[in-house]
N, C-alpha and C. Protein backbone atom coordinates (compact mmCIF):
# COMPACT_ATOMS: atom_id res chain seq x y z
N MET A 1 6.78 -24.66 -8.74
CA MET A 1 5.87 -23.53 -8.81
C MET A 1 6.27 -22.53 -7.72
N ILE A 2 6.29 -21.24 -8.09
CA ILE A 2 6.62 -20.18 -7.14
C ILE A 2 5.32 -19.56 -6.63
N GLU A 3 5.23 -19.43 -5.33
CA GLU A 3 4.08 -18.77 -4.69
C GLU A 3 4.62 -17.72 -3.74
N PHE A 4 3.82 -16.67 -3.53
CA PHE A 4 4.18 -15.61 -2.59
C PHE A 4 3.41 -15.82 -1.31
N ARG A 5 4.11 -15.59 -0.20
CA ARG A 5 3.49 -15.73 1.11
C ARG A 5 3.88 -14.54 1.96
N GLY A 6 2.89 -13.86 2.49
CA GLY A 6 3.14 -12.74 3.37
C GLY A 6 3.71 -13.20 4.70
N ALA A 7 4.56 -12.36 5.28
CA ALA A 7 5.18 -12.68 6.57
C ALA A 7 5.27 -11.40 7.39
N GLY A 8 4.92 -11.49 8.65
CA GLY A 8 5.06 -10.36 9.55
C GLY A 8 6.45 -10.34 10.17
N GLN A 9 6.63 -9.45 11.12
CA GLN A 9 7.94 -9.25 11.75
C GLN A 9 8.49 -10.54 12.37
N ALA A 10 7.67 -11.27 13.12
CA ALA A 10 8.16 -12.47 13.81
C ALA A 10 8.64 -13.52 12.83
N GLU A 11 7.86 -13.78 11.78
CA GLU A 11 8.26 -14.80 10.81
C GLU A 11 9.46 -14.32 9.99
N PHE A 12 9.49 -13.04 9.65
CA PHE A 12 10.64 -12.48 8.94
C PHE A 12 11.91 -12.70 9.76
N THR A 13 11.85 -12.38 11.04
CA THR A 13 13.01 -12.55 11.92
C THR A 13 13.39 -14.04 12.03
N GLU A 14 12.39 -14.89 12.10
CA GLU A 14 12.64 -16.33 12.18
C GLU A 14 13.41 -16.84 10.96
N HIS A 15 13.18 -16.25 9.80
CA HIS A 15 13.83 -16.69 8.56
C HIS A 15 14.98 -15.77 8.14
N LEU A 16 15.47 -14.97 9.07
CA LEU A 16 16.50 -13.98 8.73
C LEU A 16 17.78 -14.62 8.18
N ASP A 17 18.17 -15.78 8.66
CA ASP A 17 19.37 -16.43 8.12
C ASP A 17 19.18 -16.79 6.64
N THR A 18 18.00 -17.29 6.29
CA THR A 18 17.70 -17.60 4.89
C THR A 18 17.69 -16.33 4.06
N VAL A 19 17.06 -15.28 4.59
CA VAL A 19 17.00 -13.98 3.91
C VAL A 19 18.42 -13.48 3.63
N ILE A 20 19.29 -13.54 4.62
CA ILE A 20 20.67 -13.08 4.46
C ILE A 20 21.41 -13.93 3.43
N ASP A 21 21.17 -15.24 3.41
CA ASP A 21 21.81 -16.10 2.41
C ASP A 21 21.39 -15.70 0.99
N ILE A 22 20.11 -15.40 0.80
CA ILE A 22 19.62 -14.97 -0.52
C ILE A 22 20.22 -13.61 -0.88
N TYR A 23 20.22 -12.70 0.08
CA TYR A 23 20.82 -11.38 -0.14
C TYR A 23 22.29 -11.51 -0.57
N ALA A 24 23.04 -12.34 0.16
CA ALA A 24 24.47 -12.52 -0.14
C ALA A 24 24.67 -13.14 -1.52
N ALA A 25 23.85 -14.12 -1.89
CA ALA A 25 23.98 -14.75 -3.20
C ALA A 25 23.64 -13.76 -4.31
N ALA A 26 22.64 -12.92 -4.09
CA ALA A 26 22.20 -11.98 -5.12
C ALA A 26 23.13 -10.78 -5.24
N MET A 27 23.60 -10.25 -4.11
CA MET A 27 24.35 -8.99 -4.11
C MET A 27 25.87 -9.17 -4.01
N ARG A 28 26.31 -10.31 -3.50
CA ARG A 28 27.74 -10.60 -3.32
C ARG A 28 28.49 -9.48 -2.60
N PRO A 29 28.01 -9.08 -1.42
CA PRO A 29 28.71 -8.03 -0.68
C PRO A 29 29.97 -8.59 -0.02
N PRO A 30 30.89 -7.71 0.39
CA PRO A 30 32.03 -8.19 1.17
C PRO A 30 31.53 -8.89 2.43
N SER A 31 32.18 -9.97 2.79
CA SER A 31 31.71 -10.79 3.92
C SER A 31 31.67 -10.01 5.23
N ASP A 32 32.51 -8.99 5.37
CA ASP A 32 32.50 -8.23 6.62
C ASP A 32 31.27 -7.32 6.75
N GLN A 33 30.44 -7.23 5.71
CA GLN A 33 29.24 -6.41 5.77
C GLN A 33 27.99 -7.21 6.16
N ILE A 34 28.08 -8.52 6.16
CA ILE A 34 26.90 -9.37 6.37
C ILE A 34 26.30 -9.17 7.76
N THR A 35 27.12 -9.15 8.79
CA THR A 35 26.59 -9.00 10.16
C THR A 35 25.84 -7.68 10.31
N GLY A 36 26.41 -6.61 9.77
CA GLY A 36 25.74 -5.30 9.84
C GLY A 36 24.45 -5.29 9.06
N ARG A 37 24.44 -5.90 7.89
CA ARG A 37 23.23 -5.96 7.06
C ARG A 37 22.14 -6.73 7.78
N LYS A 38 22.52 -7.80 8.45
CA LYS A 38 21.54 -8.61 9.19
C LYS A 38 20.91 -7.77 10.31
N ALA A 39 21.71 -6.99 11.01
CA ALA A 39 21.18 -6.13 12.07
C ALA A 39 20.25 -5.07 11.50
N ILE A 40 20.60 -4.51 10.35
CA ILE A 40 19.75 -3.51 9.70
C ILE A 40 18.40 -4.14 9.33
N MET A 41 18.45 -5.32 8.74
CA MET A 41 17.22 -5.99 8.33
C MET A 41 16.34 -6.33 9.54
N ARG A 42 16.96 -6.80 10.60
CA ARG A 42 16.20 -7.11 11.81
C ARG A 42 15.49 -5.84 12.31
N ASN A 43 16.20 -4.73 12.30
CA ASN A 43 15.62 -3.46 12.73
C ASN A 43 14.49 -3.02 11.81
N HIS A 44 14.66 -3.21 10.51
CA HIS A 44 13.60 -2.84 9.56
C HIS A 44 12.28 -3.51 9.92
N GLY A 45 12.34 -4.72 10.41
CA GLY A 45 11.12 -5.45 10.78
C GLY A 45 10.31 -4.77 11.86
N THR A 46 10.92 -3.83 12.57
CA THR A 46 10.22 -3.12 13.65
C THR A 46 9.59 -1.81 13.17
N TYR A 47 9.81 -1.42 11.92
CA TYR A 47 9.32 -0.14 11.41
C TYR A 47 7.81 -0.17 11.19
N PRO A 48 7.19 1.01 11.17
CA PRO A 48 5.72 1.09 11.01
C PRO A 48 5.25 0.47 9.69
N PHE A 49 4.19 -0.29 9.78
CA PHE A 49 3.54 -0.88 8.63
C PHE A 49 4.49 -1.75 7.80
N PHE A 50 5.40 -2.46 8.49
CA PHE A 50 6.31 -3.40 7.84
C PHE A 50 5.49 -4.46 7.12
N GLN A 51 5.92 -4.79 5.91
CA GLN A 51 5.27 -5.83 5.13
C GLN A 51 6.33 -6.60 4.36
N CYS A 52 6.24 -7.92 4.39
CA CYS A 52 7.22 -8.78 3.73
C CYS A 52 6.49 -9.87 2.95
N TYR A 53 7.08 -10.25 1.82
CA TYR A 53 6.62 -11.42 1.09
C TYR A 53 7.83 -12.29 0.78
N PHE A 54 7.62 -13.59 0.95
CA PHE A 54 8.61 -14.57 0.54
C PHE A 54 8.15 -15.19 -0.78
N ALA A 55 9.08 -15.40 -1.69
CA ALA A 55 8.82 -16.19 -2.90
C ALA A 55 9.26 -17.60 -2.55
N GLU A 56 8.31 -18.52 -2.61
CA GLU A 56 8.60 -19.90 -2.20
C GLU A 56 8.43 -20.86 -3.36
N LEU A 57 9.38 -21.75 -3.46
CA LEU A 57 9.31 -22.83 -4.44
C LEU A 57 8.58 -23.98 -3.77
N ARG A 58 7.50 -24.40 -4.40
CA ARG A 58 6.71 -25.50 -3.85
C ARG A 58 6.72 -26.67 -4.82
N GLY A 59 6.57 -27.85 -4.27
CA GLY A 59 6.46 -29.04 -5.11
C GLY A 59 5.18 -29.01 -5.91
N GLU A 60 5.06 -29.89 -6.88
CA GLU A 60 3.87 -29.92 -7.73
C GLU A 60 2.59 -30.06 -6.93
N SER A 61 2.64 -30.75 -5.84
CA SER A 61 1.43 -30.94 -5.03
C SER A 61 1.14 -29.72 -4.16
N GLY A 62 2.09 -28.75 -4.12
CA GLY A 62 1.90 -27.58 -3.28
C GLY A 62 2.13 -27.87 -1.81
N ALA A 63 2.61 -29.05 -1.52
CA ALA A 63 2.79 -29.45 -0.13
C ALA A 63 4.04 -28.82 0.47
N TYR A 64 4.02 -28.69 1.78
CA TYR A 64 5.19 -28.21 2.51
C TYR A 64 6.16 -29.37 2.65
N PRO A 65 7.42 -29.24 2.88
CA PRO A 65 8.05 -27.95 3.09
C PRO A 65 8.35 -27.26 1.76
N SER A 66 8.38 -25.96 1.83
CA SER A 66 8.72 -25.17 0.66
C SER A 66 10.10 -24.57 0.88
N LYS A 67 10.64 -24.00 -0.17
CA LYS A 67 11.97 -23.40 -0.10
C LYS A 67 11.85 -21.93 -0.47
N ILE A 68 12.33 -21.05 0.41
CA ILE A 68 12.31 -19.62 0.13
C ILE A 68 13.43 -19.33 -0.87
N VAL A 69 13.07 -18.72 -2.02
CA VAL A 69 14.06 -18.41 -3.06
C VAL A 69 14.16 -16.91 -3.32
N GLY A 70 13.32 -16.14 -2.65
CA GLY A 70 13.36 -14.70 -2.81
C GLY A 70 12.55 -14.03 -1.72
N PHE A 71 12.75 -12.73 -1.58
CA PHE A 71 11.99 -11.97 -0.59
C PHE A 71 11.95 -10.51 -1.00
N ALA A 72 10.94 -9.85 -0.53
CA ALA A 72 10.82 -8.40 -0.72
C ALA A 72 10.11 -7.86 0.51
N TYR A 73 10.59 -6.70 0.99
CA TYR A 73 9.89 -6.08 2.10
C TYR A 73 10.03 -4.57 2.05
N GLY A 74 9.13 -3.96 2.76
CA GLY A 74 9.14 -2.51 2.87
C GLY A 74 8.32 -2.07 4.07
N PHE A 75 8.22 -0.77 4.22
CA PHE A 75 7.55 -0.18 5.37
C PHE A 75 7.28 1.28 5.07
N ARG A 76 6.48 1.90 5.90
CA ARG A 76 6.23 3.33 5.74
C ARG A 76 7.44 4.09 6.28
N GLY A 77 8.01 4.91 5.43
CA GLY A 77 9.14 5.73 5.84
C GLY A 77 8.69 6.81 6.80
N ALA A 78 9.56 7.17 7.73
CA ALA A 78 9.21 8.17 8.74
C ALA A 78 10.47 8.88 9.23
N PRO A 79 10.31 10.13 9.66
CA PRO A 79 11.46 10.83 10.25
C PRO A 79 12.04 10.00 11.40
N GLY A 80 13.37 10.03 11.49
CA GLY A 80 14.05 9.24 12.51
C GLY A 80 14.63 7.95 11.96
N GLN A 81 14.21 7.54 10.76
CA GLN A 81 14.78 6.37 10.10
C GLN A 81 15.94 6.86 9.23
N TRP A 82 17.07 6.18 9.31
CA TRP A 82 18.29 6.65 8.67
C TRP A 82 18.11 6.92 7.18
N TRP A 83 17.66 5.91 6.40
CA TRP A 83 17.51 6.07 4.96
C TRP A 83 16.57 7.23 4.65
N HIS A 84 15.43 7.24 5.31
CA HIS A 84 14.43 8.29 5.09
C HIS A 84 15.03 9.67 5.31
N ASP A 85 15.71 9.86 6.42
CA ASP A 85 16.25 11.17 6.76
C ASP A 85 17.35 11.60 5.78
N VAL A 86 18.24 10.70 5.43
CA VAL A 86 19.34 11.02 4.51
C VAL A 86 18.78 11.41 3.14
N VAL A 87 17.86 10.61 2.63
CA VAL A 87 17.30 10.87 1.30
C VAL A 87 16.42 12.12 1.32
N PHE A 88 15.63 12.31 2.37
CA PHE A 88 14.78 13.50 2.46
C PHE A 88 15.63 14.77 2.41
N ARG A 89 16.71 14.81 3.21
CA ARG A 89 17.58 16.00 3.23
C ARG A 89 18.20 16.26 1.85
N ALA A 90 18.65 15.21 1.19
CA ALA A 90 19.28 15.38 -0.13
C ALA A 90 18.26 15.85 -1.17
N LEU A 91 17.06 15.28 -1.15
CA LEU A 91 16.04 15.68 -2.11
C LEU A 91 15.56 17.11 -1.82
N GLU A 92 15.45 17.42 -0.55
CA GLU A 92 15.07 18.79 -0.17
C GLU A 92 16.11 19.79 -0.65
N LYS A 93 17.37 19.47 -0.49
CA LYS A 93 18.46 20.35 -0.92
C LYS A 93 18.44 20.53 -2.44
N GLN A 94 18.17 19.45 -3.17
CA GLN A 94 18.20 19.50 -4.63
C GLN A 94 16.94 20.13 -5.23
N ALA A 95 15.76 19.78 -4.69
CA ALA A 95 14.52 20.16 -5.36
C ALA A 95 13.56 20.98 -4.49
N GLY A 96 13.88 21.16 -3.22
CA GLY A 96 13.02 21.94 -2.34
C GLY A 96 12.18 21.08 -1.42
N ARG A 97 11.73 21.68 -0.34
CA ARG A 97 10.97 20.96 0.69
C ARG A 97 9.65 20.40 0.15
N GLU A 98 8.99 21.14 -0.70
CA GLU A 98 7.70 20.69 -1.23
C GLU A 98 7.85 19.39 -2.02
N VAL A 99 8.88 19.29 -2.83
CA VAL A 99 9.13 18.08 -3.61
C VAL A 99 9.51 16.92 -2.68
N ALA A 100 10.38 17.19 -1.71
CA ALA A 100 10.77 16.14 -0.75
C ALA A 100 9.55 15.63 0.01
N GLU A 101 8.68 16.52 0.43
CA GLU A 101 7.45 16.11 1.14
C GLU A 101 6.53 15.32 0.23
N ALA A 102 6.41 15.75 -1.02
CA ALA A 102 5.53 15.06 -1.96
C ALA A 102 5.97 13.61 -2.17
N TRP A 103 7.27 13.38 -2.27
CA TRP A 103 7.76 12.03 -2.51
C TRP A 103 7.94 11.21 -1.24
N LEU A 104 8.40 11.84 -0.17
CA LEU A 104 8.78 11.07 1.02
C LEU A 104 7.90 11.33 2.24
N GLY A 105 7.00 12.28 2.16
CA GLY A 105 6.15 12.60 3.30
C GLY A 105 5.17 11.51 3.66
N ASN A 106 4.80 10.69 2.70
CA ASN A 106 3.89 9.56 2.93
C ASN A 106 4.28 8.47 1.95
N ALA A 107 5.46 7.88 2.17
CA ALA A 107 6.03 6.95 1.20
C ALA A 107 6.16 5.54 1.76
N PHE A 108 5.96 4.59 0.86
CA PHE A 108 6.26 3.19 1.14
C PHE A 108 7.68 2.96 0.66
N GLU A 109 8.58 2.65 1.57
CA GLU A 109 9.98 2.44 1.22
C GLU A 109 10.22 0.96 0.97
N LEU A 110 10.52 0.65 -0.29
CA LEU A 110 10.86 -0.72 -0.67
C LEU A 110 12.32 -0.92 -0.28
N ALA A 111 12.53 -1.56 0.86
CA ALA A 111 13.87 -1.64 1.45
C ALA A 111 14.74 -2.71 0.79
N GLU A 112 14.18 -3.87 0.56
CA GLU A 112 14.96 -4.99 -0.01
C GLU A 112 14.08 -5.79 -0.94
N ILE A 113 14.62 -6.11 -2.11
CA ILE A 113 13.95 -6.97 -3.10
C ILE A 113 15.05 -7.84 -3.69
N HIS A 114 15.05 -9.12 -3.36
CA HIS A 114 16.13 -9.99 -3.82
C HIS A 114 15.60 -11.38 -4.16
N MET A 115 16.14 -11.91 -5.26
CA MET A 115 15.87 -13.29 -5.66
C MET A 115 17.20 -14.02 -5.68
N HIS A 116 17.19 -15.27 -5.30
CA HIS A 116 18.39 -16.08 -5.46
C HIS A 116 18.73 -16.08 -6.95
N PRO A 117 20.01 -15.99 -7.30
CA PRO A 117 20.39 -15.92 -8.72
C PRO A 117 19.80 -17.02 -9.60
N ASP A 118 19.57 -18.20 -9.05
CA ASP A 118 18.98 -19.29 -9.83
C ASP A 118 17.55 -18.99 -10.27
N TYR A 119 16.91 -18.00 -9.66
CA TYR A 119 15.51 -17.69 -9.95
C TYR A 119 15.33 -16.28 -10.50
N GLN A 120 16.41 -15.60 -10.82
CA GLN A 120 16.31 -14.27 -11.39
C GLN A 120 15.95 -14.35 -12.88
N GLY A 121 15.37 -13.26 -13.39
CA GLY A 121 15.04 -13.19 -14.81
C GLY A 121 13.80 -13.96 -15.21
N LYS A 122 12.96 -14.30 -14.25
CA LYS A 122 11.76 -15.07 -14.53
C LYS A 122 10.47 -14.28 -14.24
N GLY A 123 10.61 -12.97 -13.96
CA GLY A 123 9.43 -12.14 -13.67
C GLY A 123 8.97 -12.20 -12.22
N ILE A 124 9.69 -12.94 -11.39
CA ILE A 124 9.27 -13.11 -10.00
C ILE A 124 9.46 -11.81 -9.22
N GLY A 125 10.57 -11.12 -9.44
CA GLY A 125 10.81 -9.86 -8.75
C GLY A 125 9.73 -8.83 -9.07
N ARG A 126 9.38 -8.71 -10.35
CA ARG A 126 8.32 -7.79 -10.77
C ARG A 126 7.00 -8.14 -10.06
N ALA A 127 6.67 -9.42 -10.05
CA ALA A 127 5.42 -9.85 -9.40
C ALA A 127 5.47 -9.60 -7.90
N MET A 128 6.64 -9.79 -7.28
CA MET A 128 6.75 -9.52 -5.83
C MET A 128 6.55 -8.05 -5.53
N ILE A 129 7.13 -7.17 -6.36
CA ILE A 129 6.96 -5.72 -6.14
C ILE A 129 5.49 -5.36 -6.27
N ALA A 130 4.82 -5.88 -7.29
CA ALA A 130 3.40 -5.59 -7.48
C ALA A 130 2.58 -6.09 -6.29
N THR A 131 2.89 -7.28 -5.82
CA THR A 131 2.18 -7.84 -4.67
C THR A 131 2.44 -7.02 -3.42
N LEU A 132 3.69 -6.65 -3.20
CA LEU A 132 4.07 -5.87 -2.02
C LEU A 132 3.39 -4.50 -2.00
N CYS A 133 3.25 -3.90 -3.17
CA CYS A 133 2.68 -2.54 -3.25
C CYS A 133 1.16 -2.53 -3.35
N ALA A 134 0.55 -3.67 -3.66
CA ALA A 134 -0.91 -3.72 -3.82
C ALA A 134 -1.62 -3.31 -2.54
N GLY A 135 -2.54 -2.39 -2.68
CA GLY A 135 -3.36 -1.97 -1.54
C GLY A 135 -2.68 -1.04 -0.55
N ARG A 136 -1.45 -0.64 -0.83
CA ARG A 136 -0.77 0.28 0.08
C ARG A 136 -1.47 1.63 0.05
N ARG A 137 -1.53 2.29 1.19
CA ARG A 137 -2.22 3.58 1.29
C ARG A 137 -1.29 4.77 1.16
N GLU A 138 0.02 4.51 1.09
CA GLU A 138 0.96 5.60 0.93
C GLU A 138 0.78 6.25 -0.44
N ARG A 139 1.29 7.45 -0.56
CA ARG A 139 1.18 8.24 -1.79
C ARG A 139 2.18 7.77 -2.86
N SER A 140 3.34 7.27 -2.42
CA SER A 140 4.40 6.91 -3.36
C SER A 140 5.16 5.69 -2.86
N ALA A 141 5.89 5.09 -3.79
CA ALA A 141 6.83 4.02 -3.46
C ALA A 141 8.21 4.52 -3.86
N VAL A 142 9.20 4.34 -2.99
CA VAL A 142 10.55 4.81 -3.24
C VAL A 142 11.55 3.72 -2.88
N LEU A 143 12.72 3.77 -3.52
CA LEU A 143 13.77 2.81 -3.22
C LEU A 143 15.09 3.33 -3.74
N SER A 144 16.18 2.68 -3.32
CA SER A 144 17.50 2.99 -3.86
C SER A 144 18.03 1.76 -4.57
N THR A 145 18.77 2.00 -5.64
CA THR A 145 19.35 0.93 -6.44
C THR A 145 20.69 1.42 -6.99
N HIS A 146 21.57 0.50 -7.31
CA HIS A 146 22.85 0.90 -7.89
C HIS A 146 22.60 1.73 -9.15
N ASP A 147 23.36 2.79 -9.30
CA ASP A 147 23.19 3.69 -10.44
C ASP A 147 24.05 3.21 -11.61
N ARG A 148 23.70 2.03 -12.08
CA ARG A 148 24.35 1.41 -13.23
C ARG A 148 23.25 0.75 -14.06
N PRO A 149 23.53 0.39 -15.30
CA PRO A 149 22.51 -0.26 -16.13
C PRO A 149 22.34 -1.74 -15.75
N THR A 150 21.81 -1.97 -14.56
CA THR A 150 21.59 -3.33 -14.07
C THR A 150 20.20 -3.82 -14.45
N THR A 151 20.00 -5.11 -14.29
CA THR A 151 18.68 -5.69 -14.51
C THR A 151 17.65 -5.05 -13.57
N ALA A 152 18.05 -4.85 -12.31
CA ALA A 152 17.13 -4.24 -11.34
C ALA A 152 16.76 -2.82 -11.76
N ARG A 153 17.74 -2.05 -12.18
CA ARG A 153 17.48 -0.66 -12.61
C ARG A 153 16.51 -0.65 -13.78
N HIS A 154 16.69 -1.56 -14.72
CA HIS A 154 15.79 -1.68 -15.87
C HIS A 154 14.38 -2.08 -15.40
N LEU A 155 14.30 -3.02 -14.49
CA LEU A 155 13.01 -3.46 -13.96
C LEU A 155 12.24 -2.28 -13.36
N TYR A 156 12.89 -1.52 -12.49
CA TYR A 156 12.20 -0.40 -11.84
C TYR A 156 11.73 0.62 -12.87
N ALA A 157 12.56 0.92 -13.85
CA ALA A 157 12.16 1.88 -14.89
C ALA A 157 10.96 1.35 -15.67
N SER A 158 10.96 0.05 -15.96
CA SER A 158 9.84 -0.53 -16.72
C SER A 158 8.54 -0.54 -15.92
N MET A 159 8.66 -0.41 -14.60
CA MET A 159 7.47 -0.35 -13.73
C MET A 159 7.06 1.09 -13.43
N GLY A 160 7.72 2.06 -14.08
CA GLY A 160 7.32 3.45 -13.92
C GLY A 160 8.06 4.23 -12.86
N PHE A 161 9.08 3.64 -12.26
CA PHE A 161 9.89 4.38 -11.29
C PHE A 161 10.78 5.36 -12.05
N THR A 162 10.86 6.59 -11.56
CA THR A 162 11.70 7.61 -12.19
C THR A 162 12.76 8.07 -11.20
N ASP A 163 13.85 8.60 -11.73
CA ASP A 163 14.94 9.07 -10.89
C ASP A 163 14.53 10.31 -10.10
N LEU A 164 14.78 10.27 -8.81
CA LEU A 164 14.60 11.43 -7.94
C LEU A 164 15.96 12.05 -7.63
N LEU A 165 16.96 11.20 -7.38
CA LEU A 165 18.33 11.61 -7.12
C LEU A 165 19.26 10.63 -7.84
N SER A 166 20.09 11.16 -8.72
CA SER A 166 21.02 10.29 -9.45
C SER A 166 22.12 11.15 -10.06
N PRO A 167 23.36 10.83 -9.82
CA PRO A 167 23.86 9.81 -8.90
C PRO A 167 23.77 10.29 -7.46
N PHE A 168 23.70 9.33 -6.55
CA PHE A 168 23.58 9.65 -5.13
C PHE A 168 24.57 8.80 -4.35
N LEU A 169 25.29 9.44 -3.46
CA LEU A 169 26.27 8.75 -2.62
C LEU A 169 25.79 8.85 -1.17
N PHE A 170 25.54 7.71 -0.55
CA PHE A 170 25.15 7.71 0.87
C PHE A 170 26.34 8.11 1.72
N PRO A 171 26.09 8.77 2.85
CA PRO A 171 27.19 9.17 3.75
C PRO A 171 28.05 7.96 4.11
N GLY A 172 29.35 8.12 3.97
CA GLY A 172 30.29 7.05 4.30
C GLY A 172 30.41 5.99 3.22
N GLY A 173 29.63 6.13 2.15
CA GLY A 173 29.64 5.12 1.09
C GLY A 173 30.58 5.49 -0.04
N TYR A 174 30.73 4.57 -0.96
CA TYR A 174 31.60 4.80 -2.11
C TYR A 174 30.92 4.42 -3.42
N GLU A 175 29.80 3.71 -3.35
CA GLU A 175 29.08 3.31 -4.56
C GLU A 175 28.00 4.33 -4.89
N GLN A 176 27.80 4.59 -6.18
CA GLN A 176 26.76 5.51 -6.58
C GLN A 176 25.43 4.78 -6.70
N TYR A 177 24.40 5.43 -6.17
CA TYR A 177 23.04 4.90 -6.19
C TYR A 177 22.13 5.86 -6.93
N ALA A 178 20.98 5.35 -7.30
CA ALA A 178 19.88 6.18 -7.79
C ALA A 178 18.74 6.00 -6.80
N ILE A 179 18.14 7.10 -6.41
CA ILE A 179 16.92 7.06 -5.60
C ILE A 179 15.79 7.23 -6.59
N VAL A 180 14.89 6.27 -6.64
CA VAL A 180 13.80 6.29 -7.60
C VAL A 180 12.46 6.22 -6.89
N GLY A 181 11.43 6.72 -7.55
CA GLY A 181 10.11 6.69 -6.97
C GLY A 181 9.03 6.67 -8.04
N ARG A 182 7.85 6.32 -7.59
CA ARG A 182 6.68 6.40 -8.47
C ARG A 182 5.44 6.53 -7.60
N PRO A 183 4.41 7.18 -8.12
CA PRO A 183 3.16 7.29 -7.36
C PRO A 183 2.52 5.91 -7.18
N LEU A 184 1.78 5.76 -6.10
CA LEU A 184 0.98 4.56 -5.88
C LEU A 184 -0.47 4.91 -6.18
N PRO A 185 -1.29 3.97 -6.63
CA PRO A 185 -0.96 2.55 -6.83
C PRO A 185 -0.11 2.34 -8.08
N LEU A 186 0.53 1.18 -8.14
CA LEU A 186 1.36 0.84 -9.30
C LEU A 186 0.48 0.77 -10.54
């Protein structure tokens, strides 16, 4: 049975090695990027209104120990955060300051949503996003995803996320992304 459990910054940091293992299994990044990704994730835990949920596999009795098989986290985006600033400038350039403010001026940034491949395709990611966004006071939820017809891209579209910037290339990057958003509540 899969259950969701909220975790704050301290517990998120405590389980960062497990989080990175799930991220690596799901995304298969080049191994030389793992250390940098871990540092980015650790830093994300310090952002305002950080919120994380772990998807845990529990035995039939619900007893511990459980196994973390997925995670999702986000935070309130703010000026001075790299992703926020890069995306805000690009959206402002494309659609104007008013549109950029409407989407990113009070946004919940869904930074990472990953399930171990053995647990993908079971509706867990969708449920984690809904749980993570429930009760948020921000005006919108925003995220970046590969700009290809992936399962994740389909999931976000089915949950009402629409393209804000597509295709989008992050500075120094080579992969095309889509920046998507939707009003809150979900």
